[in-house]
């Protein structure tokens, strides 16, 4: 925006300076194209100042030059009216045209600079946003790394606990098997003891009456 204002100010100053310059009467001029090398020959046409002509022949004695116009017409003109360069008026018009083109180009460049500055500001804002987003991503990545490390530690602890639990379960199974075995042995011992008592009772039941009978029989014999 600043560049555009500067360019507009310079163009306005140039326009004001041009308006204040002195002006002169136009150098508009027409010359005759004749059929011969004297004013007695007929006029083919009038040629305005600045018309480009192709030189065909020069009559230095008469002071005329035979030329061909851009339209293809041929004739003679006074040599003193011919110049090697375009007329000053035409050169000025060309210079003015180039100046106008330069002014237009300057305005275009000013617009381009303004557009580039706006684009640069937009890119700077985008860059700031991307840097902020990058910082957030880095922080999140660091948090994930910490969580991952904790998760690995927890996984290691869980594996150790599972190993210890498996060993404890195996020991428990062994203890339960031993307890079952002991209970089975205890029931067997009690069964054997009961059976022994029963057998002993039966034996005593059979033996004791006979012993009494023998004692009574012995006493009677006496």
C-alpha atoms as a PDB file:
ATOM      1  CA  UNK A   1       0.000   0.000   0.000  1.00  0.00           C
ATOM      2  CA  UNK A   2       2.845   2.388   0.822  1.00  0.00           C
ATOM      3  CA  UNK A   3       4.616   1.722  -2.499  1.00  0.00           C
ATOM      4  CA  UNK A   4       1.388   2.412  -4.402  1.00  0.00           C
ATOM      5  CA  UNK A   5       0.882   5.732  -2.620  1.00  0.00           C
ATOM      6  CA  UNK A   6       4.460   6.746  -3.396  1.00  0.00           C
ATOM      7  CA  UNK A   7       4.065   5.891  -7.091  1.00  0.00           C
ATOM      8  CA  UNK A   8       0.755   7.773  -7.299  1.00  0.00           C
ATOM      9  CA  UNK A   9       2.345  10.802  -5.637  1.00  0.00           C
ATOM     10  CA  UNK A  10       5.238  10.775  -8.128  1.00  0.00           C
ATOM     11  CA  UNK A  11       2.855  10.426 -11.075  1.00  0.00           C
ATOM     12  CA  UNK A  12       0.728  13.287  -9.764  1.00  0.00           C
ATOM     13  CA  UNK A  13       3.830  15.435  -9.368  1.00  0.00           C
ATOM     14  CA  UNK A  14       4.947  14.592 -12.913  1.00  0.00           C
ATOM     15  CA  UNK A  15       1.486  15.453 -14.277  1.00  0.00           C
ATOM     16  CA  UNK A  16       1.491  18.780 -12.424  1.00  0.00           C
ATOM     17  CA  UNK A  17       4.976  19.584 -13.735  1.00  0.00           C
ATOM     18  CA  UNK A  18       3.926  18.730 -17.298  1.00  0.00           C
ATOM     19  CA  UNK A  19       0.851  20.935 -16.959  1.00  0.00           C
ATOM     20  CA  UNK A  20       3.066  23.827 -15.868  1.00  0.00           C
ATOM     21  CA  UNK A  21       5.478  23.512 -18.831  1.00  0.00           C
ATOM     22  CA  UNK A  22       5.444  25.946 -21.744  1.00  0.00           C
ATOM     23  CA  UNK A  23       3.646  24.831 -24.947  1.00  0.00           C
ATOM     24  CA  UNK A  24       4.430  25.791 -28.578  1.00  0.00           C
ATOM     25  CA  UNK A  25       2.555  25.890 -31.883  1.00  0.00           C
ATOM     26  CA  UNK A  26       2.260  22.455 -33.452  1.00  0.00           C
ATOM     27  CA  UNK A  27       4.805  21.595 -36.208  1.00  0.00           C
ATOM     28  CA  UNK A  28       2.102  19.971 -38.322  1.00  0.00           C
ATOM     29  CA  UNK A  29       3.246  20.223 -41.958  1.00  0.00           C
ATOM     30  CA  UNK A  30       2.235  18.772 -45.282  1.00  0.00           C
ATOM     31  CA  UNK A  31       4.416  18.522 -48.386  1.00  0.00           C
ATOM     32  CA  UNK A  32       3.488  17.800 -51.965  1.00  0.00           C
ATOM     33  CA  UNK A  33       4.209  14.605 -53.800  1.00  0.00           C
ATOM     34  CA  UNK A  34       4.582  15.608 -57.481  1.00  0.00           C
ATOM     35  CA  UNK A  35       4.866  13.714 -60.671  1.00  0.00           C
ATOM     36  CA  UNK A  36       8.141  15.496 -61.582  1.00  0.00           C
ATOM     37  CA  UNK A  37      11.077  17.514 -60.289  1.00  0.00           C
ATOM     38  CA  UNK A  38       9.519  20.954 -60.380  1.00  0.00           C
ATOM     39  CA  UNK A  39       6.543  22.837 -59.123  1.00  0.00           C
ATOM     40  CA  UNK A  40       5.185  22.727 -62.659  1.00  0.00           C
ATOM     41  CA  UNK A  41       4.449  19.036 -62.349  1.00  0.00           C
ATOM     42  CA  UNK A  42       1.102  17.938 -61.047  1.00  0.00           C
ATOM     43  CA  UNK A  43       0.515  17.136 -57.373  1.00  0.00           C
ATOM     44  CA  UNK A  44      -0.170  13.469 -56.809  1.00  0.00           C
ATOM     45  CA  UNK A  45      -1.081  13.862 -53.133  1.00  0.00           C
ATOM     46  CA  UNK A  46      -0.246  15.725 -49.960  1.00  0.00           C
ATOM     47  CA  UNK A  47       2.044  13.970 -47.460  1.00  0.00           C
ATOM     48  CA  UNK A  48       1.652  14.851 -43.755  1.00  0.00           C
ATOM     49  CA  UNK A  49       4.680  15.394 -41.590  1.00  0.00           C
ATOM     50  CA  UNK A  50       6.164  12.167 -40.269  1.00  0.00           C
ATOM     51  CA  UNK A  51       5.114   9.987 -43.213  1.00  0.00           C
ATOM     52  CA  UNK A  52       7.785   7.281 -43.785  1.00  0.00           C
ATOM     53  CA  UNK A  53       8.973   7.250 -47.397  1.00  0.00           C
ATOM     54  CA  UNK A  54      11.142   4.798 -49.314  1.00  0.00           C
ATOM     55  CA  UNK A  55      13.910   6.591 -51.257  1.00  0.00           C
ATOM     56  CA  UNK A  56      14.137   5.483 -54.908  1.00  0.00           C
ATOM     57  CA  UNK A  57      16.210   8.165 -56.648  1.00  0.00           C
ATOM     58  CA  UNK A  58      17.867  11.535 -55.849  1.00  0.00           C
ATOM     59  CA  UNK A  59      18.112  14.464 -58.280  1.00  0.00           C
ATOM     60  CA  UNK A  60      20.614  16.703 -56.551  1.00  0.00           C
ATOM     61  CA  UNK A  61      20.526  19.292 -59.317  1.00  0.00           C
ATOM     62  CA  UNK A  62      16.783  19.788 -59.051  1.00  0.00           C
ATOM     63  CA  UNK A  63      16.749  19.281 -55.296  1.00  0.00           C
ATOM     64  CA  UNK A  64      14.116  16.545 -55.519  1.00  0.00           C
ATOM     65  CA  UNK A  65      13.994  12.917 -54.406  1.00  0.00           C
ATOM     66  CA  UNK A  66      11.830  10.208 -55.909  1.00  0.00           C
ATOM     67  CA  UNK A  67      10.057   8.249 -53.154  1.00  0.00           C
ATOM     68  CA  UNK A  68       7.446   5.578 -52.594  1.00  0.00           C
ATOM     69  CA  UNK A  69       4.731   5.977 -49.956  1.00  0.00           C
ATOM     70  CA  UNK A  70       3.576   3.151 -47.659  1.00  0.00           C
ATOM     71  CA  UNK A  71       0.515   2.886 -49.910  1.00  0.00           C
ATOM     72  CA  UNK A  72       2.669   2.267 -52.990  1.00  0.00           C
ATOM     73  CA  UNK A  73       2.306   5.692 -54.626  1.00  0.00           C
ATOM     74  CA  UNK A  74       5.507   7.012 -56.244  1.00  0.00           C
ATOM     75  CA  UNK A  75       6.503  10.621 -56.946  1.00  0.00           C
ATOM     76  CA  UNK A  76       8.957  13.450 -56.251  1.00  0.00           C
ATOM     77  CA  UNK A  77       9.319  15.557 -53.125  1.00  0.00           C
ATOM     78  CA  UNK A  78      11.689  18.366 -52.212  1.00  0.00           C
ATOM     79  CA  UNK A  79      14.795  16.825 -50.675  1.00  0.00           C
ATOM     80  CA  UNK A  80      15.070  19.537 -48.020  1.00  0.00           C
ATOM     81  CA  UNK A  81      11.857  18.366 -46.456  1.00  0.00           C
ATOM     82  CA  UNK A  82      13.212  14.859 -45.850  1.00  0.00           C
ATOM     83  CA  UNK A  83      14.906  13.866 -42.571  1.00  0.00           C
ATOM     84  CA  UNK A  84      16.825  10.795 -41.514  1.00  0.00           C
ATOM     85  CA  UNK A  85      14.855  10.613 -38.251  1.00  0.00           C
ATOM     86  CA  UNK A  86      11.134  10.828 -37.596  1.00  0.00           C
ATOM     87  CA  UNK A  87       9.656  14.265 -36.907  1.00  0.00           C
ATOM     88  CA  UNK A  88      10.077  15.691 -33.438  1.00  0.00           C
ATOM     89  CA  UNK A  89       6.331  15.583 -32.967  1.00  0.00           C
ATOM     90  CA  UNK A  90       6.285  11.861 -33.749  1.00  0.00           C
ATOM     91  CA  UNK A  91       9.299  11.231 -31.520  1.00  0.00           C
ATOM     92  CA  UNK A  92       7.573  13.160 -28.734  1.00  0.00           C
ATOM     93  CA  UNK A  93       4.412  11.126 -29.222  1.00  0.00           C
ATOM     94  CA  UNK A  94       6.442   7.929 -29.083  1.00  0.00           C
ATOM     95  CA  UNK A  95       8.240   9.140 -25.960  1.00  0.00           C
ATOM     96  CA  UNK A  96       4.921  10.133 -24.382  1.00  0.00           C
ATOM     97  CA  UNK A  97       3.512   6.736 -25.260  1.00  0.00           C
ATOM     98  CA  UNK A  98       6.521   5.011 -23.712  1.00  0.00           C
ATOM     99  CA  UNK A  99       6.191   7.259 -20.661  1.00  0.00           C
ATOM    100  CA  UNK A 100       2.545   6.311 -20.360  1.00  0.00           C
ATOM    101  CA  UNK A 101       3.502   2.679 -20.680  1.00  0.00           C
ATOM    102  CA  UNK A 102       6.144   3.152 -18.018  1.00  0.00           C
ATOM    103  CA  UNK A 103       3.597   4.803 -15.743  1.00  0.00           C
ATOM    104  CA  UNK A 104       1.181   1.934 -16.300  1.00  0.00           C
ATOM    105  CA  UNK A 105       3.991  -0.492 -15.645  1.00  0.00           C
ATOM    106  CA  UNK A 106       4.907   1.402 -12.475  1.00  0.00           C
ATOM    107  CA  UNK A 107       1.302   1.157 -11.278  1.00  0.00           C
ATOM    108  CA  UNK A 108       1.245  -2.543 -12.136  1.00  0.00           C
ATOM    109  CA  UNK A 109       4.494  -3.043 -10.225  1.00  0.00           C
ATOM    110  CA  UNK A 110       3.087  -1.107  -7.268  1.00  0.00           C
ATOM    111  CA  UNK A 111      -0.003  -3.330  -7.306  1.00  0.00           C
ATOM    112  CA  UNK A 112       2.244  -6.383  -7.575  1.00  0.00           C
ATOM    113  CA  UNK A 113       4.360  -5.208  -4.637  1.00  0.00           C
ATOM    114  CA  UNK A 114       1.224  -4.599  -2.601  1.00  0.00           C
ATOM    115  CA  UNK A 115      -0.082  -8.054  -3.497  1.00  0.00           C
ATOM    116  CA  UNK A 116       3.252  -9.658  -2.610  1.00  0.00           C
ATOM    117  CA  UNK A 117       3.343  -7.828   0.717  1.00  0.00           C
ATOM    118  CA  UNK A 118      -0.174  -9.055   1.514  1.00  0.00           C
ATOM    119  CA  UNK A 119       0.818 -12.570   0.465  1.00  0.00           C
ATOM    120  CA  UNK A 120       3.960 -12.368   2.593  1.00  0.00           C
ATOM    121  CA  UNK A 121       1.894 -11.270   5.602  1.00  0.00           C
ATOM    122  CA  UNK A 122      -0.465 -14.171   4.994  1.00  0.00           C
ATOM    123  CA  UNK A 123       2.453 -16.591   4.732  1.00  0.00           C
ATOM    124  CA  UNK A 124       3.946 -15.197   7.943  1.00  0.00           C
ATOM    125  CA  UNK A 125       0.637 -15.780   9.715  1.00  0.00           C
ATOM    126  CA  UNK A 126       0.487 -19.313   8.310  1.00  0.00           C
ATOM    127  CA  UNK A 127       4.076 -19.934   9.397  1.00  0.00           C
ATOM    128  CA  UNK A 128       3.279 -18.742  12.919  1.00  0.00           C
ATOM    129  CA  UNK A 129       0.266 -21.032  13.009  1.00  0.00           C
ATOM    130  CA  UNK A 130       2.326 -23.971  11.744  1.00  0.00           C
ATOM    131  CA  UNK A 131       5.024 -23.319  14.344  1.00  0.00           C
ATOM    132  CA  UNK A 132       2.394 -23.280  17.086  1.00  0.00           C
ATOM    133  CA  UNK A 133       0.878 -26.492  15.731  1.00  0.00           C
ATOM    134  CA  UNK A 134       4.351 -28.049  15.523  1.00  0.00           C
ATOM    135  CA  UNK A 135       5.003 -27.155  19.167  1.00  0.00           C
ATOM    136  CA  UNK A 136       1.711 -28.794  20.147  1.00  0.00           C
ATOM    137  CA  UNK A 137       2.595 -31.906  18.133  1.00  0.00           C
ATOM    138  CA  UNK A 138       6.011 -32.086  19.772  1.00  0.00           C
ATOM    139  CA  UNK A 139       4.440 -31.775  23.236  1.00  0.00           C
ATOM    140  CA  UNK A 140       1.928 -34.500  22.382  1.00  0.00           C
ATOM    141  CA  UNK A 141       4.721 -36.713  21.074  1.00  0.00           C
ATOM    142  CA  UNK A 142       6.698 -36.229  24.275  1.00  0.00           C
ATOM    143  CA  UNK A 143       3.617 -37.095  26.321  1.00  0.00           C
ATOM    144  CA  UNK A 144       3.064 -40.222  24.218  1.00  0.00           C
ATOM    145  CA  UNK A 145       6.677 -41.206  24.744  1.00  0.00           C
ATOM    146  CA  UNK A 146       6.306 -40.828  28.510  1.00  0.00           C
ATOM    147  CA  UNK A 147       3.061 -42.788  28.487  1.00  0.00           C
ATOM    148  CA  UNK A 148       4.660 -45.440  26.300  1.00  0.00           C
ATOM    149  CA  UNK A 149       7.581 -45.730  28.708  1.00  0.00           C
ATOM    150  CA  UNK A 150       5.150 -46.068  31.628  1.00  0.00           C
ATOM    151  CA  UNK A 151       3.145 -48.603  29.665  1.00  0.00           C
ATOM    152  CA  UNK A 152       6.277 -50.641  29.003  1.00  0.00           C
ATOM    153  CA  UNK A 153       7.126 -50.566  32.699  1.00  0.00           C
ATOM    154  CA  UNK A 154       3.581 -51.585  33.586  1.00  0.00           C
ATOM    155  CA  UNK A 155       3.696 -54.366  31.041  1.00  0.00           C
ATOM    156  CA  UNK A 156       6.945 -55.625  32.561  1.00  0.00           C
ATOM    157  CA  UNK A 157       5.420 -55.526  36.047  1.00  0.00           C
ATOM    158  CA  UNK A 158       2.313 -57.287  34.757  1.00  0.00           C
ATOM    159  CA  UNK A 159       4.415 -60.026  33.202  1.00  0.00           C
ATOM    160  CA  UNK A 160       6.325 -60.501  36.453  1.00  0.00           C
ATOM    161  CA  UNK A 161       3.074 -60.588  38.445  1.00  0.00           C
ATOM    162  CA  UNK A 162       1.569 -63.087  36.005  1.00  0.00           C
ATOM    163  CA  UNK A 163       4.666 -65.253  36.388  1.00  0.00           C
ATOM    164  CA  UNK A 164       4.464 -65.094  40.164  1.00  0.00           C
ATOM    165  CA  UNK A 165       0.718 -65.768  40.033  1.00  0.00           C
ATOM    166  CA  UNK A 166       1.278 -68.789  37.813  1.00  0.00           C
ATOM    167  CA  UNK A 167       3.900 -70.086  40.266  1.00  0.00           C
ATOM    168  CA  UNK A 168       1.534 -69.434  43.181  1.00  0.00           C
ATOM    169  CA  UNK A 169      -1.303 -71.222  41.388  1.00  0.00           C
ATOM    170  CA  UNK A 170       0.999 -74.154  40.689  1.00  0.00           C
ATOM    171  CA  UNK A 171       2.010 -74.265  44.389  1.00  0.00           C
ATOM    172  CA  UNK A 172      -1.669 -74.032  45.335  1.00  0.00           C
ATOM    173  CA  UNK A 173      -2.486 -76.950  43.052  1.00  0.00           C
ATOM    174  CA  UNK A 174       0.286 -78.958  44.645  1.00  0.00           C
ATOM    175  CA  UNK A 175      -0.976 -78.054  48.145  1.00  0.00           C
ATOM    176  CA  UNK A 176      -4.530 -78.965  47.219  1.00  0.00           C
ATOM    177  CA  UNK A 177      -3.318 -82.286  45.860  1.00  0.00           C
ATOM    178  CA  UNK A 178      -1.351 -82.934  49.069  1.00  0.00           C
ATOM    179  CA  UNK A 179      -4.367 -81.967  51.213  1.00  0.00           C
ATOM    180  CA  UNK A 180      -6.589 -84.282  49.178  1.00  0.00           C
ATOM    181  CA  UNK A 181      -4.048 -87.042  49.603  1.00  0.00           C
ATOM    182  CA  UNK A 182      -3.847 -86.413  53.351  1.00  0.00           C
ATOM    183  CA  UNK A 183      -7.649 -86.377  53.646  1.00  0.00           C
ATOM    184  CA  UNK A 184      -7.794 -89.621  51.704  1.00  0.00           C
ATOM    185  CA  UNK A 185      -5.148 -91.193  53.935  1.00  0.00           C
ATOM    186  CA  UNK A 186      -6.964 -89.923  57.049  1.00  0.00           C
ATOM    187  CA  UNK A 187     -10.273 -91.427  55.916  1.00  0.00           C
ATOM    188  CA  UNK A 188      -8.501 -94.668  55.145  1.00  0.00           C
ATOM    189  CA  UNK A 189      -6.811 -94.712  58.561  1.00  0.00           C
ATOM    190  CA  UNK A 190     -10.115 -94.037  60.291  1.00  0.00           C
ATOM    191  CA  UNK A 191     -11.765 -96.750  58.259  1.00  0.00           C
ATOM    192  CA  UNK A 192      -9.005 -99.198  59.134  1.00  0.00           C
ATOM    193  CA  UNK A 193      -9.175 -98.187  62.780  1.00  0.00           C
ATOM    194  CA  UNK A 194     -12.935 -98.667  62.841  1.00  0.00           C
ATOM    195  CA  UNK A 195     -12.632-101.974  61.089  1.00  0.00           C
ATOM    196  CA  UNK A 196      -9.978-103.051  63.585  1.00  0.00           C
ATOM    197  CA  UNK A 197     -12.186-102.098  66.513  1.00  0.00           C
ATOM    198  CA  UNK A 198     -15.085-103.946  64.976  1.00  0.00           C
ATOM    199  CA  UNK A 199     -13.022-107.068  64.368  1.00  0.00           C
ATOM    200  CA  UNK A 200     -11.609-106.876  67.875  1.00  0.00           C
ATOM    201  CA  UNK A 201     -15.115-106.532  69.256  1.00  0.00           C
ATOM    202  CA  UNK A 202     -16.244-109.561  67.289  1.00  0.00           C
ATOM    203  CA  UNK A 203     -13.271-111.558  68.474  1.00  0.00           C
ATOM    204  CA  UNK A 204     -13.871-110.557  72.057  1.00  0.00           C
ATOM    205  CA  UNK A 205     -17.540-111.378  71.652  1.00  0.00           C
ATOM    206  CA  UNK A 206     -16.642-114.850  70.532  1.00  0.00           C
ATOM    207  CA  UNK A 207     -13.775-115.529  72.899  1.00  0.00           C
ATOM    208  CA  UNK A 208     -15.057-114.136  76.160  1.00  0.00           C
ATOM    209  CA  UNK A 209     -18.189-116.379  76.422  1.00  0.00           C
ATOM    210  CA  UNK A 210     -16.090-119.483  75.854  1.00  0.00           C
ATOM    211  CA  UNK A 211     -13.623-118.469  78.464  1.00  0.00           C
ATOM    212  CA  UNK A 212     -16.432-118.012  80.985  1.00  0.00           C
ATOM    213  CA  UNK A 213     -17.959-121.325  80.030  1.00  0.00           C
ATOM    214  CA  UNK A 214     -14.665-123.111  80.592  1.00  0.00           C
ATOM    215  CA  UNK A 215     -14.229-121.444  83.967  1.00  0.00           C
ATOM    216  CA  UNK A 216     -17.676-122.569  85.125  1.00  0.00           C
ATOM    217  CA  UNK A 217     -17.052-126.037  83.852  1.00  0.00           C
ATOM    218  CA  UNK A 218     -13.818-126.233  85.804  1.00  0.00           C
ATOM    219  CA  UNK A 219     -15.367-125.122  89.024  1.00  0.00           C
ATOM    220  CA  UNK A 220     -18.127-127.752  88.776  1.00  0.00           C
ATOM    221  CA  UNK A 221     -15.657-130.562  88.371  1.00  0.00           C
ATOM    222  CA  UNK A 222     -13.995-129.692  91.605  1.00  0.00           C
END
